[in-house]
């Protein structure tokens, strides 16, 4: 069993949040409002009951928490740099998200509607590219399939542990991370990984590369 707790980062102008609780859209609408704004734009994503001909019963989301919040806040910063916004909120559900429940809410306020509308459109499209969040589609037959939002910044290997998805890391001696030979399905493609070792410096370089990939995608 994996405990899921709400994680949040905020500034005077932006709030980003990962939450296992129901997403309260009205809370975020109220927070972004101001007498100086004439437009509030919002995107709300919900779980639909089908995907590619299969009936979906629920979704299950997991996130690489700290990095996800970091990339979500970067998106907010870019939105405020590109458009004249007052406040912005990006909230994503983690854990189970049944059909019709809200999985994501993006809310921004601005003096004018063009800026608000463009910022929300930018944010949802970039979030799907750079924020490390995974979802498991669980079908009415009982089986399921893991999928990733972030194509370019997901861990290089991961494994399914019951109902959860985890980066595959084993800690060996002498400050090395050992990865045993294994075969698994990575986003629907089979990969074989031979035994190899990563030092802490190499792991840090890998994480920095993930940051660089996300940064490049956000700025694009």
N, C-alpha and C. Protein backbone atom coordinates (compact mmCIF):
# COMPACT_ATOMS: atom_id res chain seq x y z
N UNK A 1 0.85 -1.19 0.00
CA UNK A 1 0.00 0.00 0.00
C UNK A 1 0.88 1.23 0.00
N UNK A 2 0.59 2.19 -0.84
CA UNK A 2 1.39 3.41 -0.93
C UNK A 2 0.55 4.60 -0.50
N UNK A 3 1.00 5.29 0.52
CA UNK A 3 0.29 6.46 1.02
C UNK A 3 0.45 7.60 0.02
N UNK A 4 -0.65 8.26 -0.32
CA UNK A 4 -0.61 9.41 -1.21
C UNK A 4 -1.10 10.63 -0.44
N UNK A 5 -0.31 11.67 -0.47
CA UNK A 5 -0.65 12.88 0.24
C UNK A 5 -0.62 14.06 -0.72
N UNK A 6 -1.34 15.10 -0.38
CA UNK A 6 -1.33 16.31 -1.20
C UNK A 6 0.04 16.96 -1.12
N UNK A 7 0.55 17.38 -2.28
CA UNK A 7 1.79 18.14 -2.36
C UNK A 7 1.50 19.43 -3.12
N UNK A 8 2.11 20.51 -2.65
CA UNK A 8 1.79 21.81 -3.24
C UNK A 8 2.99 22.73 -3.21
N UNK A 9 3.05 23.60 -4.20
CA UNK A 9 4.02 24.70 -4.21
C UNK A 9 3.25 25.94 -4.62
N UNK A 10 3.58 27.09 -4.05
CA UNK A 10 2.84 28.31 -4.38
C UNK A 10 3.72 29.54 -4.28
N UNK A 11 3.35 30.54 -5.07
CA UNK A 11 3.93 31.87 -5.00
C UNK A 11 2.77 32.85 -4.89
N UNK A 12 3.07 34.14 -4.93
CA UNK A 12 2.00 35.14 -4.86
C UNK A 12 1.07 35.06 -6.06
N UNK A 13 1.61 34.57 -7.20
CA UNK A 13 0.80 34.58 -8.41
C UNK A 13 0.39 33.19 -8.92
N UNK A 14 0.99 32.12 -8.37
CA UNK A 14 0.72 30.79 -8.89
C UNK A 14 0.61 29.74 -7.79
N UNK A 15 -0.23 28.75 -8.04
CA UNK A 15 -0.36 27.57 -7.18
C UNK A 15 -0.30 26.33 -8.06
N UNK A 16 0.55 25.37 -7.69
CA UNK A 16 0.57 24.07 -8.35
C UNK A 16 0.36 23.01 -7.27
N UNK A 17 -0.39 21.96 -7.62
CA UNK A 17 -0.79 21.00 -6.59
C UNK A 17 -1.00 19.62 -7.20
N UNK A 18 -0.57 18.61 -6.44
CA UNK A 18 -0.91 17.21 -6.71
C UNK A 18 -1.74 16.75 -5.53
N UNK A 19 -2.91 16.19 -5.78
CA UNK A 19 -3.80 15.85 -4.67
C UNK A 19 -4.53 14.53 -4.90
N UNK A 20 -4.66 13.72 -3.84
CA UNK A 20 -5.47 12.51 -3.94
C UNK A 20 -6.95 12.79 -3.69
N UNK A 21 -7.25 14.04 -3.32
CA UNK A 21 -8.63 14.43 -3.01
C UNK A 21 -9.34 14.95 -4.26
N UNK A 22 -10.64 15.08 -4.16
CA UNK A 22 -11.42 15.65 -5.26
C UNK A 22 -10.92 17.06 -5.56
N UNK A 23 -10.79 17.38 -6.84
CA UNK A 23 -10.33 18.71 -7.25
C UNK A 23 -11.49 19.70 -7.13
N UNK A 24 -11.30 20.71 -6.28
CA UNK A 24 -12.34 21.72 -6.03
C UNK A 24 -12.14 22.88 -7.00
N UNK A 25 -12.83 22.83 -8.10
CA UNK A 25 -12.66 23.85 -9.14
C UNK A 25 -13.03 25.24 -8.63
N UNK A 26 -14.11 25.33 -7.85
CA UNK A 26 -14.55 26.63 -7.35
C UNK A 26 -13.51 27.28 -6.45
N UNK A 27 -12.79 26.49 -5.67
CA UNK A 27 -11.72 27.03 -4.82
C UNK A 27 -10.71 27.79 -5.66
N UNK A 28 -10.34 27.22 -6.79
CA UNK A 28 -9.31 27.83 -7.63
C UNK A 28 -9.85 29.01 -8.42
N UNK A 29 -11.11 28.93 -8.83
CA UNK A 29 -11.73 30.08 -9.48
C UNK A 29 -11.76 31.29 -8.56
N UNK A 30 -12.08 31.06 -7.30
CA UNK A 30 -12.14 32.16 -6.34
C UNK A 30 -10.76 32.74 -6.07
N UNK A 31 -9.73 31.89 -6.06
CA UNK A 31 -8.39 32.37 -5.73
C UNK A 31 -7.82 33.26 -6.83
N UNK A 32 -8.12 32.95 -8.09
CA UNK A 32 -7.52 33.75 -9.18
C UNK A 32 -8.27 35.05 -9.43
N UNK A 33 -9.49 35.16 -8.92
CA UNK A 33 -10.30 36.36 -9.21
C UNK A 33 -9.72 37.61 -8.59
N UNK A 34 -9.96 38.73 -9.27
CA UNK A 34 -9.50 40.03 -8.77
C UNK A 34 -10.29 41.12 -9.48
N UNK A 35 -10.39 42.28 -8.83
CA UNK A 35 -11.06 43.40 -9.45
C UNK A 35 -10.34 43.91 -10.68
N UNK A 36 -9.06 43.56 -10.82
CA UNK A 36 -8.26 44.02 -11.96
C UNK A 36 -8.37 43.10 -13.17
N UNK A 37 -9.06 41.98 -13.02
CA UNK A 37 -9.15 41.01 -14.12
C UNK A 37 -10.52 41.05 -14.78
N UNK A 38 -10.51 40.92 -16.10
CA UNK A 38 -11.76 40.90 -16.83
C UNK A 38 -12.04 39.56 -17.47
N UNK A 39 -11.12 38.60 -17.27
CA UNK A 39 -11.29 37.28 -17.88
C UNK A 39 -10.69 36.20 -16.99
N UNK A 40 -11.39 35.10 -16.88
CA UNK A 40 -10.88 33.90 -16.22
C UNK A 40 -11.11 32.74 -17.18
N UNK A 41 -10.04 32.06 -17.52
CA UNK A 41 -10.12 30.93 -18.43
C UNK A 41 -9.74 29.66 -17.68
N UNK A 42 -10.43 28.56 -18.02
CA UNK A 42 -10.22 27.33 -17.27
C UNK A 42 -10.30 26.12 -18.19
N UNK A 43 -9.43 25.16 -17.94
CA UNK A 43 -9.54 23.85 -18.57
C UNK A 43 -9.75 22.83 -17.46
N UNK A 44 -10.76 21.97 -17.62
CA UNK A 44 -11.03 20.90 -16.66
C UNK A 44 -11.04 19.58 -17.42
N UNK A 45 -10.13 18.69 -17.06
CA UNK A 45 -10.09 17.37 -17.66
C UNK A 45 -10.79 16.37 -16.77
N UNK A 46 -11.59 15.49 -17.36
CA UNK A 46 -12.33 14.48 -16.60
C UNK A 46 -12.09 13.09 -17.20
N UNK A 47 -12.32 12.08 -16.41
CA UNK A 47 -12.17 10.69 -16.87
C UNK A 47 -13.35 10.30 -17.74
N UNK A 48 -13.06 9.85 -18.96
CA UNK A 48 -14.13 9.38 -19.83
C UNK A 48 -14.25 7.85 -19.70
N UNK A 49 -15.38 7.33 -20.16
CA UNK A 49 -15.67 5.92 -19.93
C UNK A 49 -15.22 4.99 -21.04
N UNK A 50 -14.40 5.47 -21.97
CA UNK A 50 -13.95 4.61 -23.05
C UNK A 50 -12.62 5.11 -23.59
N UNK A 51 -11.87 4.21 -24.19
CA UNK A 51 -10.62 4.57 -24.87
C UNK A 51 -10.34 3.52 -25.93
N UNK A 52 -10.24 3.97 -27.18
CA UNK A 52 -9.94 3.11 -28.32
C UNK A 52 -10.78 1.84 -28.33
N UNK A 53 -12.07 2.03 -28.15
CA UNK A 53 -12.99 0.90 -28.24
C UNK A 53 -13.14 0.07 -26.99
N UNK A 54 -12.42 0.43 -25.92
CA UNK A 54 -12.52 -0.33 -24.67
C UNK A 54 -13.24 0.52 -23.62
N UNK A 55 -14.03 -0.14 -22.79
CA UNK A 55 -14.76 0.54 -21.74
C UNK A 55 -13.88 0.71 -20.50
N UNK A 56 -13.74 1.94 -20.06
CA UNK A 56 -12.89 2.28 -18.92
C UNK A 56 -13.74 2.41 -17.67
N UNK A 57 -13.30 1.79 -16.57
CA UNK A 57 -14.03 1.90 -15.31
C UNK A 57 -13.45 2.99 -14.42
N UNK A 58 -12.13 3.18 -14.47
CA UNK A 58 -11.49 4.21 -13.65
C UNK A 58 -10.06 4.44 -14.16
N UNK A 59 -9.46 5.53 -13.73
CA UNK A 59 -8.04 5.79 -13.97
C UNK A 59 -7.31 5.83 -12.64
N UNK A 60 -6.02 5.53 -12.68
CA UNK A 60 -5.18 5.65 -11.49
C UNK A 60 -3.93 6.42 -11.87
N UNK A 61 -3.68 7.55 -11.20
CA UNK A 61 -2.56 8.43 -11.52
C UNK A 61 -1.46 8.32 -10.47
N UNK A 62 -0.22 8.32 -10.95
CA UNK A 62 0.94 8.48 -10.08
C UNK A 62 1.85 9.54 -10.69
N UNK A 63 2.61 10.21 -9.83
CA UNK A 63 3.48 11.29 -10.29
C UNK A 63 4.84 11.20 -9.62
N UNK A 64 5.85 11.67 -10.32
CA UNK A 64 7.17 11.87 -9.74
C UNK A 64 7.09 13.23 -9.03
N UNK A 65 6.64 13.18 -7.75
CA UNK A 65 6.13 14.35 -7.03
C UNK A 65 6.92 15.64 -7.15
N UNK A 66 8.17 15.62 -6.67
CA UNK A 66 8.95 16.86 -6.62
C UNK A 66 9.21 17.42 -8.01
N UNK A 67 9.56 16.52 -8.94
CA UNK A 67 9.83 17.00 -10.29
C UNK A 67 8.55 17.47 -10.98
N UNK A 68 7.45 16.78 -10.71
CA UNK A 68 6.18 17.19 -11.31
C UNK A 68 5.81 18.60 -10.87
N UNK A 69 5.92 18.87 -9.56
CA UNK A 69 5.61 20.21 -9.07
C UNK A 69 6.56 21.25 -9.65
N UNK A 70 7.82 20.89 -9.76
CA UNK A 70 8.82 21.81 -10.32
C UNK A 70 8.47 22.18 -11.76
N UNK A 71 8.11 21.18 -12.56
CA UNK A 71 7.78 21.45 -13.96
C UNK A 71 6.45 22.19 -14.10
N UNK A 72 5.50 21.90 -13.23
CA UNK A 72 4.23 22.62 -13.24
C UNK A 72 4.44 24.10 -12.92
N UNK A 73 5.33 24.38 -11.95
CA UNK A 73 5.61 25.78 -11.62
C UNK A 73 6.36 26.47 -12.75
N UNK A 74 7.25 25.74 -13.44
CA UNK A 74 7.92 26.33 -14.60
C UNK A 74 6.91 26.73 -15.67
N UNK A 75 5.89 25.89 -15.87
CA UNK A 75 4.85 26.22 -16.83
C UNK A 75 4.14 27.51 -16.44
N UNK A 76 3.83 27.64 -15.16
CA UNK A 76 3.18 28.87 -14.69
C UNK A 76 4.08 30.08 -14.93
N UNK A 77 5.37 29.93 -14.64
CA UNK A 77 6.30 31.05 -14.84
C UNK A 77 6.34 31.46 -16.32
N UNK A 78 6.38 30.48 -17.20
CA UNK A 78 6.41 30.79 -18.64
C UNK A 78 5.12 31.48 -19.07
N UNK A 79 3.98 31.01 -18.56
CA UNK A 79 2.71 31.65 -18.90
C UNK A 79 2.71 33.12 -18.50
N UNK A 80 3.22 33.40 -17.30
CA UNK A 80 3.23 34.79 -16.82
C UNK A 80 4.23 35.65 -17.59
N UNK A 81 5.28 35.01 -18.10
CA UNK A 81 6.25 35.76 -18.90
C UNK A 81 5.69 36.09 -20.29
N UNK A 82 4.93 35.16 -20.85
CA UNK A 82 4.45 35.34 -22.23
C UNK A 82 3.17 36.16 -22.32
N UNK A 83 2.32 36.07 -21.32
CA UNK A 83 1.03 36.74 -21.36
C UNK A 83 0.81 37.58 -20.11
N UNK A 84 -0.05 38.55 -20.23
CA UNK A 84 -0.36 39.45 -19.13
C UNK A 84 -1.42 38.79 -18.24
N UNK A 85 -0.95 37.99 -17.28
CA UNK A 85 -1.84 37.26 -16.39
C UNK A 85 -1.79 37.83 -14.98
N UNK A 86 -2.86 37.59 -14.24
CA UNK A 86 -2.89 37.98 -12.83
C UNK A 86 -2.48 36.81 -11.95
N UNK A 87 -3.20 35.71 -12.05
CA UNK A 87 -2.87 34.52 -11.26
C UNK A 87 -3.11 33.26 -12.09
N UNK A 88 -2.46 32.17 -11.65
CA UNK A 88 -2.61 30.89 -12.34
C UNK A 88 -2.61 29.73 -11.34
N UNK A 89 -3.36 28.69 -11.66
CA UNK A 89 -3.43 27.48 -10.85
C UNK A 89 -3.36 26.27 -11.77
N UNK A 90 -2.53 25.30 -11.37
CA UNK A 90 -2.48 24.01 -12.07
C UNK A 90 -2.59 22.92 -11.01
N UNK A 91 -3.64 22.12 -11.08
CA UNK A 91 -3.89 21.06 -10.09
C UNK A 91 -4.10 19.75 -10.82
N UNK A 92 -3.43 18.70 -10.36
CA UNK A 92 -3.61 17.38 -10.96
C UNK A 92 -3.96 16.36 -9.89
N UNK A 93 -4.92 15.53 -10.21
CA UNK A 93 -5.31 14.45 -9.30
C UNK A 93 -4.26 13.34 -9.34
N UNK A 94 -3.99 12.72 -8.18
CA UNK A 94 -3.20 11.50 -8.11
C UNK A 94 -4.05 10.46 -7.40
N UNK A 95 -3.71 9.20 -7.61
CA UNK A 95 -4.55 8.14 -7.08
C UNK A 95 -5.71 7.85 -8.01
N UNK A 96 -6.77 7.26 -7.47
CA UNK A 96 -7.89 6.85 -8.30
C UNK A 96 -8.72 8.04 -8.76
N UNK A 97 -9.15 7.99 -10.02
CA UNK A 97 -9.98 9.04 -10.60
C UNK A 97 -11.08 8.38 -11.44
N UNK A 98 -12.23 8.10 -10.82
CA UNK A 98 -13.30 7.38 -11.53
C UNK A 98 -13.88 8.20 -12.69
N UNK A 99 -14.66 7.54 -13.52
CA UNK A 99 -15.32 8.16 -14.65
C UNK A 99 -16.12 9.39 -14.18
N UNK A 100 -15.97 10.49 -14.91
CA UNK A 100 -16.59 11.79 -14.70
C UNK A 100 -15.89 12.63 -13.63
N UNK A 101 -14.97 12.07 -12.85
CA UNK A 101 -14.25 12.88 -11.87
C UNK A 101 -13.20 13.75 -12.56
N UNK A 102 -12.86 14.87 -11.92
CA UNK A 102 -11.87 15.80 -12.46
C UNK A 102 -10.46 15.27 -12.21
N UNK A 103 -9.68 15.16 -13.28
CA UNK A 103 -8.29 14.72 -13.15
C UNK A 103 -7.32 15.90 -13.16
N UNK A 104 -7.68 16.99 -13.83
CA UNK A 104 -6.80 18.15 -13.90
C UNK A 104 -7.63 19.42 -14.05
N UNK A 105 -7.16 20.48 -13.41
CA UNK A 105 -7.77 21.80 -13.58
C UNK A 105 -6.67 22.83 -13.77
N UNK A 106 -6.81 23.63 -14.81
CA UNK A 106 -5.91 24.76 -15.07
C UNK A 106 -6.77 26.01 -15.09
N UNK A 107 -6.46 26.96 -14.23
CA UNK A 107 -7.28 28.17 -14.10
C UNK A 107 -6.36 29.38 -14.13
N UNK A 108 -6.64 30.33 -15.02
CA UNK A 108 -5.84 31.56 -15.06
C UNK A 108 -6.76 32.77 -15.18
N UNK A 109 -6.32 33.86 -14.60
CA UNK A 109 -7.06 35.12 -14.73
C UNK A 109 -6.16 36.17 -15.37
N UNK A 110 -6.79 37.09 -16.10
CA UNK A 110 -6.05 38.10 -16.83
C UNK A 110 -6.95 39.30 -17.07
N UNK A 111 -6.38 40.47 -17.36
CA UNK A 111 -7.21 41.62 -17.70
C UNK A 111 -8.05 41.38 -18.96
N UNK A 112 -7.48 40.58 -19.92
CA UNK A 112 -8.15 40.40 -21.20
C UNK A 112 -8.25 38.92 -21.56
N UNK A 113 -9.31 38.53 -22.29
CA UNK A 113 -9.60 37.13 -22.54
C UNK A 113 -8.56 36.45 -23.44
N UNK A 114 -7.98 37.18 -24.40
CA UNK A 114 -7.01 36.54 -25.31
C UNK A 114 -5.85 35.94 -24.54
N UNK A 115 -5.31 36.70 -23.59
CA UNK A 115 -4.18 36.20 -22.82
C UNK A 115 -4.59 34.98 -21.99
N UNK A 116 -5.75 35.05 -21.37
CA UNK A 116 -6.21 33.94 -20.53
C UNK A 116 -6.42 32.68 -21.35
N UNK A 117 -7.07 32.81 -22.50
CA UNK A 117 -7.36 31.65 -23.34
C UNK A 117 -6.08 31.04 -23.91
N UNK A 118 -5.17 31.87 -24.37
CA UNK A 118 -3.93 31.36 -24.95
C UNK A 118 -3.07 30.68 -23.89
N UNK A 119 -3.04 31.23 -22.69
CA UNK A 119 -2.22 30.65 -21.64
C UNK A 119 -2.72 29.26 -21.25
N UNK A 120 -4.02 29.10 -21.13
CA UNK A 120 -4.57 27.79 -20.76
C UNK A 120 -4.29 26.76 -21.84
N UNK A 121 -4.47 27.14 -23.10
CA UNK A 121 -4.20 26.22 -24.21
C UNK A 121 -2.74 25.80 -24.22
N UNK A 122 -1.84 26.76 -24.02
CA UNK A 122 -0.41 26.46 -23.93
C UNK A 122 -0.13 25.49 -22.79
N UNK A 123 -0.70 25.75 -21.63
CA UNK A 123 -0.37 25.00 -20.43
C UNK A 123 -0.79 23.53 -20.55
N UNK A 124 -2.01 23.26 -21.00
CA UNK A 124 -2.44 21.86 -21.06
C UNK A 124 -1.63 21.08 -22.08
N UNK A 125 -1.28 21.71 -23.20
CA UNK A 125 -0.50 21.00 -24.21
C UNK A 125 0.93 20.72 -23.75
N UNK A 126 1.56 21.69 -23.09
CA UNK A 126 2.92 21.49 -22.62
C UNK A 126 2.96 20.55 -21.41
N UNK A 127 1.95 20.64 -20.55
CA UNK A 127 1.90 19.75 -19.38
C UNK A 127 1.92 18.30 -19.82
N UNK A 128 1.20 17.98 -20.88
CA UNK A 128 1.15 16.61 -21.38
C UNK A 128 2.52 16.15 -21.88
N UNK A 129 3.38 17.09 -22.26
CA UNK A 129 4.69 16.74 -22.79
C UNK A 129 5.77 16.63 -21.73
N UNK A 130 5.70 17.45 -20.68
CA UNK A 130 6.87 17.59 -19.82
C UNK A 130 6.68 17.18 -18.36
N UNK A 131 5.48 17.07 -17.88
CA UNK A 131 5.28 16.79 -16.45
C UNK A 131 5.23 15.27 -16.23
N UNK A 132 6.10 14.73 -15.37
CA UNK A 132 6.18 13.28 -15.18
C UNK A 132 5.01 12.73 -14.36
N UNK A 133 3.92 12.46 -15.05
CA UNK A 133 2.72 11.89 -14.46
C UNK A 133 2.32 10.68 -15.30
N UNK A 134 2.00 9.58 -14.63
CA UNK A 134 1.59 8.36 -15.30
C UNK A 134 0.15 8.05 -14.94
N UNK A 135 -0.56 7.42 -15.86
CA UNK A 135 -1.91 6.98 -15.53
C UNK A 135 -2.08 5.53 -15.94
N UNK A 136 -2.86 4.81 -15.14
CA UNK A 136 -3.22 3.44 -15.47
C UNK A 136 -4.69 3.43 -15.83
N UNK A 137 -4.98 3.05 -17.06
CA UNK A 137 -6.37 2.90 -17.47
C UNK A 137 -6.84 1.51 -17.04
N UNK A 138 -7.87 1.47 -16.22
CA UNK A 138 -8.40 0.21 -15.73
C UNK A 138 -9.73 -0.04 -16.43
N UNK A 139 -9.82 -1.17 -17.12
CA UNK A 139 -10.97 -1.46 -17.96
C UNK A 139 -12.01 -2.27 -17.18
N UNK A 140 -13.22 -2.29 -17.70
CA UNK A 140 -14.32 -2.97 -17.00
C UNK A 140 -14.05 -4.46 -16.87
N UNK A 141 -13.20 -5.02 -17.76
CA UNK A 141 -12.86 -6.44 -17.65
C UNK A 141 -11.91 -6.73 -16.50
N UNK A 142 -11.31 -5.66 -15.93
CA UNK A 142 -10.42 -5.84 -14.79
C UNK A 142 -8.96 -5.64 -15.10
N UNK A 143 -8.56 -5.71 -16.37
CA UNK A 143 -7.15 -5.49 -16.71
C UNK A 143 -6.89 -4.00 -16.87
N UNK A 144 -5.63 -3.64 -16.99
CA UNK A 144 -5.29 -2.22 -17.12
C UNK A 144 -3.99 -2.02 -17.86
N UNK A 145 -3.69 -0.77 -18.17
CA UNK A 145 -2.49 -0.44 -18.94
C UNK A 145 -1.94 0.90 -18.47
N UNK A 146 -0.62 0.93 -18.16
CA UNK A 146 0.04 2.17 -17.76
C UNK A 146 0.39 3.00 -18.99
N UNK A 147 0.19 4.31 -18.85
CA UNK A 147 0.56 5.23 -19.91
C UNK A 147 1.22 6.45 -19.28
N UNK A 148 2.01 7.17 -20.08
CA UNK A 148 2.74 8.33 -19.55
C UNK A 148 2.29 9.60 -20.22
N UNK A 149 2.20 10.67 -19.42
CA UNK A 149 2.01 12.00 -19.99
C UNK A 149 3.31 12.48 -20.60
N UNK A 150 4.37 12.34 -19.82
CA UNK A 150 5.65 12.94 -20.18
C UNK A 150 6.50 11.97 -20.98
N UNK A 151 6.60 12.17 -22.29
CA UNK A 151 7.32 11.25 -23.16
C UNK A 151 8.83 11.40 -23.02
N UNK A 152 9.31 12.62 -22.73
CA UNK A 152 10.74 12.86 -22.79
C UNK A 152 11.43 12.92 -21.45
N UNK A 153 10.69 12.81 -20.33
CA UNK A 153 11.36 12.98 -19.04
C UNK A 153 11.02 11.88 -18.07
N UNK A 154 10.42 10.78 -18.53
CA UNK A 154 10.12 9.68 -17.63
C UNK A 154 11.39 8.94 -17.26
N UNK A 155 11.44 8.27 -16.09
CA UNK A 155 12.62 7.48 -15.74
C UNK A 155 12.91 6.46 -16.83
N UNK A 156 14.19 6.13 -17.00
CA UNK A 156 14.58 5.25 -18.08
C UNK A 156 14.07 3.83 -17.88
N UNK A 157 13.76 3.46 -16.66
CA UNK A 157 13.18 2.15 -16.40
C UNK A 157 12.23 2.27 -15.23
N UNK A 158 11.19 1.46 -15.26
CA UNK A 158 10.26 1.44 -14.15
C UNK A 158 9.59 0.10 -14.11
N UNK A 159 8.96 -0.20 -13.01
CA UNK A 159 8.33 -1.50 -12.86
C UNK A 159 6.98 -1.33 -12.20
N UNK A 160 6.08 -2.25 -12.49
CA UNK A 160 4.76 -2.24 -11.88
C UNK A 160 4.82 -3.09 -10.63
N UNK A 161 4.35 -2.55 -9.53
CA UNK A 161 4.32 -3.25 -8.25
C UNK A 161 2.87 -3.26 -7.79
N UNK A 162 2.14 -4.30 -8.17
CA UNK A 162 0.73 -4.33 -7.84
C UNK A 162 0.00 -3.25 -8.62
N UNK A 163 -0.59 -2.31 -7.91
CA UNK A 163 -1.34 -1.24 -8.56
C UNK A 163 -0.51 0.01 -8.76
N UNK A 164 0.81 -0.05 -8.51
CA UNK A 164 1.64 1.14 -8.56
C UNK A 164 2.78 1.00 -9.55
N UNK A 165 3.31 2.12 -9.98
CA UNK A 165 4.42 2.17 -10.91
C UNK A 165 5.57 2.86 -10.21
N UNK A 166 6.76 2.26 -10.27
CA UNK A 166 7.90 2.84 -9.57
C UNK A 166 9.12 2.82 -10.46
N UNK A 167 9.99 3.84 -10.32
CA UNK A 167 11.29 3.79 -10.98
C UNK A 167 12.05 2.61 -10.40
N UNK A 168 12.77 1.88 -11.27
CA UNK A 168 13.47 0.69 -10.84
C UNK A 168 14.88 1.08 -10.40
N UNK A 169 15.14 1.06 -9.09
CA UNK A 169 16.46 1.36 -8.54
C UNK A 169 16.73 0.42 -7.38
N UNK A 170 17.90 -0.20 -7.38
CA UNK A 170 18.33 -1.00 -6.25
C UNK A 170 19.64 -0.43 -5.75
N UNK A 171 19.76 -0.24 -4.45
CA UNK A 171 20.95 0.36 -3.88
C UNK A 171 21.94 -0.72 -3.49
N UNK A 172 23.11 -0.69 -4.13
CA UNK A 172 24.14 -1.64 -3.80
C UNK A 172 25.16 -1.02 -2.87
N UNK A 173 26.30 -1.68 -2.74
CA UNK A 173 27.35 -1.17 -1.87
C UNK A 173 28.20 -0.14 -2.61
N UNK A 174 29.06 0.54 -1.87
CA UNK A 174 30.00 1.52 -2.42
C UNK A 174 29.30 2.63 -3.19
N UNK A 175 28.14 3.07 -2.69
CA UNK A 175 27.43 4.20 -3.28
C UNK A 175 27.12 4.01 -4.75
N UNK A 176 26.82 2.76 -5.17
CA UNK A 176 26.41 2.49 -6.53
C UNK A 176 24.95 2.09 -6.56
N UNK A 177 24.28 2.40 -7.65
CA UNK A 177 22.93 1.93 -7.92
C UNK A 177 23.05 0.78 -8.90
N UNK A 178 22.64 -0.43 -8.50
CA UNK A 178 22.75 -1.58 -9.37
C UNK A 178 21.40 -1.87 -10.02
N UNK A 179 21.44 -2.12 -11.33
CA UNK A 179 20.24 -2.47 -12.06
C UNK A 179 20.44 -3.88 -12.61
N UNK A 180 19.66 -4.85 -12.16
CA UNK A 180 19.78 -6.22 -12.61
C UNK A 180 19.20 -6.36 -14.01
N UNK A 181 19.65 -7.44 -14.69
CA UNK A 181 19.09 -7.73 -16.01
C UNK A 181 17.60 -7.98 -15.87
N UNK A 182 16.79 -7.30 -16.70
CA UNK A 182 15.36 -7.48 -16.64
C UNK A 182 14.74 -7.16 -17.98
N UNK A 183 13.54 -7.65 -18.17
CA UNK A 183 12.79 -7.38 -19.38
C UNK A 183 11.41 -6.90 -18.96
N UNK A 184 10.94 -5.77 -19.53
CA UNK A 184 9.64 -5.24 -19.16
C UNK A 184 9.05 -4.47 -20.32
N UNK A 185 7.81 -4.12 -20.18
CA UNK A 185 7.13 -3.36 -21.22
C UNK A 185 7.15 -1.89 -20.86
N UNK A 186 7.78 -1.06 -21.70
CA UNK A 186 7.98 0.36 -21.43
C UNK A 186 7.10 1.16 -22.38
N UNK A 187 5.97 1.69 -21.85
CA UNK A 187 5.03 2.45 -22.65
C UNK A 187 4.59 1.65 -23.89
N UNK A 188 4.42 0.34 -23.70
CA UNK A 188 3.91 -0.47 -24.79
C UNK A 188 4.99 -1.06 -25.69
N UNK A 189 6.30 -0.81 -25.38
CA UNK A 189 7.39 -1.34 -26.20
C UNK A 189 8.30 -2.17 -25.32
N UNK A 190 8.71 -3.35 -25.80
CA UNK A 190 9.56 -4.23 -25.01
C UNK A 190 11.00 -3.76 -25.05
N UNK A 191 11.66 -3.81 -23.89
CA UNK A 191 13.06 -3.42 -23.79
C UNK A 191 13.80 -4.45 -22.94
N UNK A 192 15.02 -4.79 -23.33
CA UNK A 192 15.90 -5.61 -22.51
C UNK A 192 17.00 -4.73 -21.96
N UNK A 193 17.27 -4.85 -20.66
CA UNK A 193 18.31 -4.05 -20.02
C UNK A 193 19.34 -4.99 -19.41
N UNK A 194 20.62 -4.85 -19.84
CA UNK A 194 21.69 -5.64 -19.26
C UNK A 194 22.09 -5.04 -17.93
N UNK A 195 22.76 -5.89 -17.11
CA UNK A 195 23.23 -5.42 -15.81
C UNK A 195 24.21 -4.27 -16.01
N UNK A 196 24.04 -3.19 -15.21
CA UNK A 196 24.96 -2.08 -15.28
C UNK A 196 24.88 -1.32 -13.97
N UNK A 197 25.84 -0.44 -13.77
CA UNK A 197 25.92 0.31 -12.53
C UNK A 197 25.96 1.79 -12.84
N UNK A 198 25.33 2.58 -11.97
CA UNK A 198 25.38 4.03 -12.07
C UNK A 198 25.94 4.58 -10.77
N UNK A 199 26.93 5.44 -10.84
CA UNK A 199 27.38 6.14 -9.65
C UNK A 199 26.40 7.24 -9.34
N UNK A 200 26.50 7.81 -8.15
CA UNK A 200 25.63 8.94 -7.79
C UNK A 200 25.82 10.09 -8.77
N UNK A 201 27.07 10.30 -9.24
CA UNK A 201 27.31 11.36 -10.19
C UNK A 201 26.59 11.12 -11.50
N UNK A 202 26.58 9.85 -11.95
CA UNK A 202 25.88 9.53 -13.19
C UNK A 202 24.38 9.68 -13.01
N UNK A 203 23.87 9.29 -11.84
CA UNK A 203 22.44 9.44 -11.58
C UNK A 203 22.06 10.92 -11.58
N UNK A 204 22.92 11.76 -10.98
CA UNK A 204 22.64 13.19 -10.97
C UNK A 204 22.65 13.74 -12.39
N UNK A 205 23.60 13.25 -13.23
CA UNK A 205 23.64 13.69 -14.62
C UNK A 205 22.38 13.29 -15.35
N UNK A 206 21.88 12.06 -15.07
CA UNK A 206 20.64 11.59 -15.69
C UNK A 206 19.47 12.49 -15.29
N UNK A 207 19.38 12.84 -14.00
CA UNK A 207 18.30 13.71 -13.54
C UNK A 207 18.41 15.10 -14.16
N UNK A 208 19.65 15.59 -14.31
CA UNK A 208 19.83 16.90 -14.95
C UNK A 208 19.39 16.86 -16.40
N UNK A 209 19.67 15.73 -17.08
CA UNK A 209 19.22 15.59 -18.47
C UNK A 209 17.70 15.60 -18.55
N UNK A 210 17.04 14.97 -17.57
CA UNK A 210 15.59 15.00 -17.52
C UNK A 210 15.10 16.43 -17.37
N UNK A 211 15.75 17.20 -16.50
CA UNK A 211 15.39 18.61 -16.32
C UNK A 211 15.58 19.37 -17.63
N UNK A 212 16.71 19.11 -18.32
CA UNK A 212 16.98 19.82 -19.57
C UNK A 212 15.94 19.50 -20.62
N UNK A 213 15.55 18.22 -20.71
CA UNK A 213 14.52 17.83 -21.67
C UNK A 213 13.21 18.55 -21.39
N UNK A 214 12.83 18.61 -20.12
CA UNK A 214 11.59 19.28 -19.73
C UNK A 214 11.68 20.77 -20.04
N UNK A 215 12.81 21.38 -19.70
CA UNK A 215 12.99 22.81 -19.91
C UNK A 215 12.88 23.15 -21.39
N UNK A 216 13.53 22.33 -22.24
CA UNK A 216 13.49 22.59 -23.67
C UNK A 216 12.07 22.49 -24.22
N UNK A 217 11.33 21.51 -23.72
CA UNK A 217 9.96 21.33 -24.19
C UNK A 217 9.05 22.48 -23.75
N UNK A 218 9.26 22.96 -22.53
CA UNK A 218 8.45 24.05 -22.03
C UNK A 218 8.70 25.32 -22.84
N UNK A 219 9.96 25.60 -23.14
CA UNK A 219 10.31 26.83 -23.83
C UNK A 219 9.95 26.80 -25.31
N UNK A 220 9.71 25.60 -25.84
CA UNK A 220 9.43 25.48 -27.29
C UNK A 220 8.13 26.18 -27.65
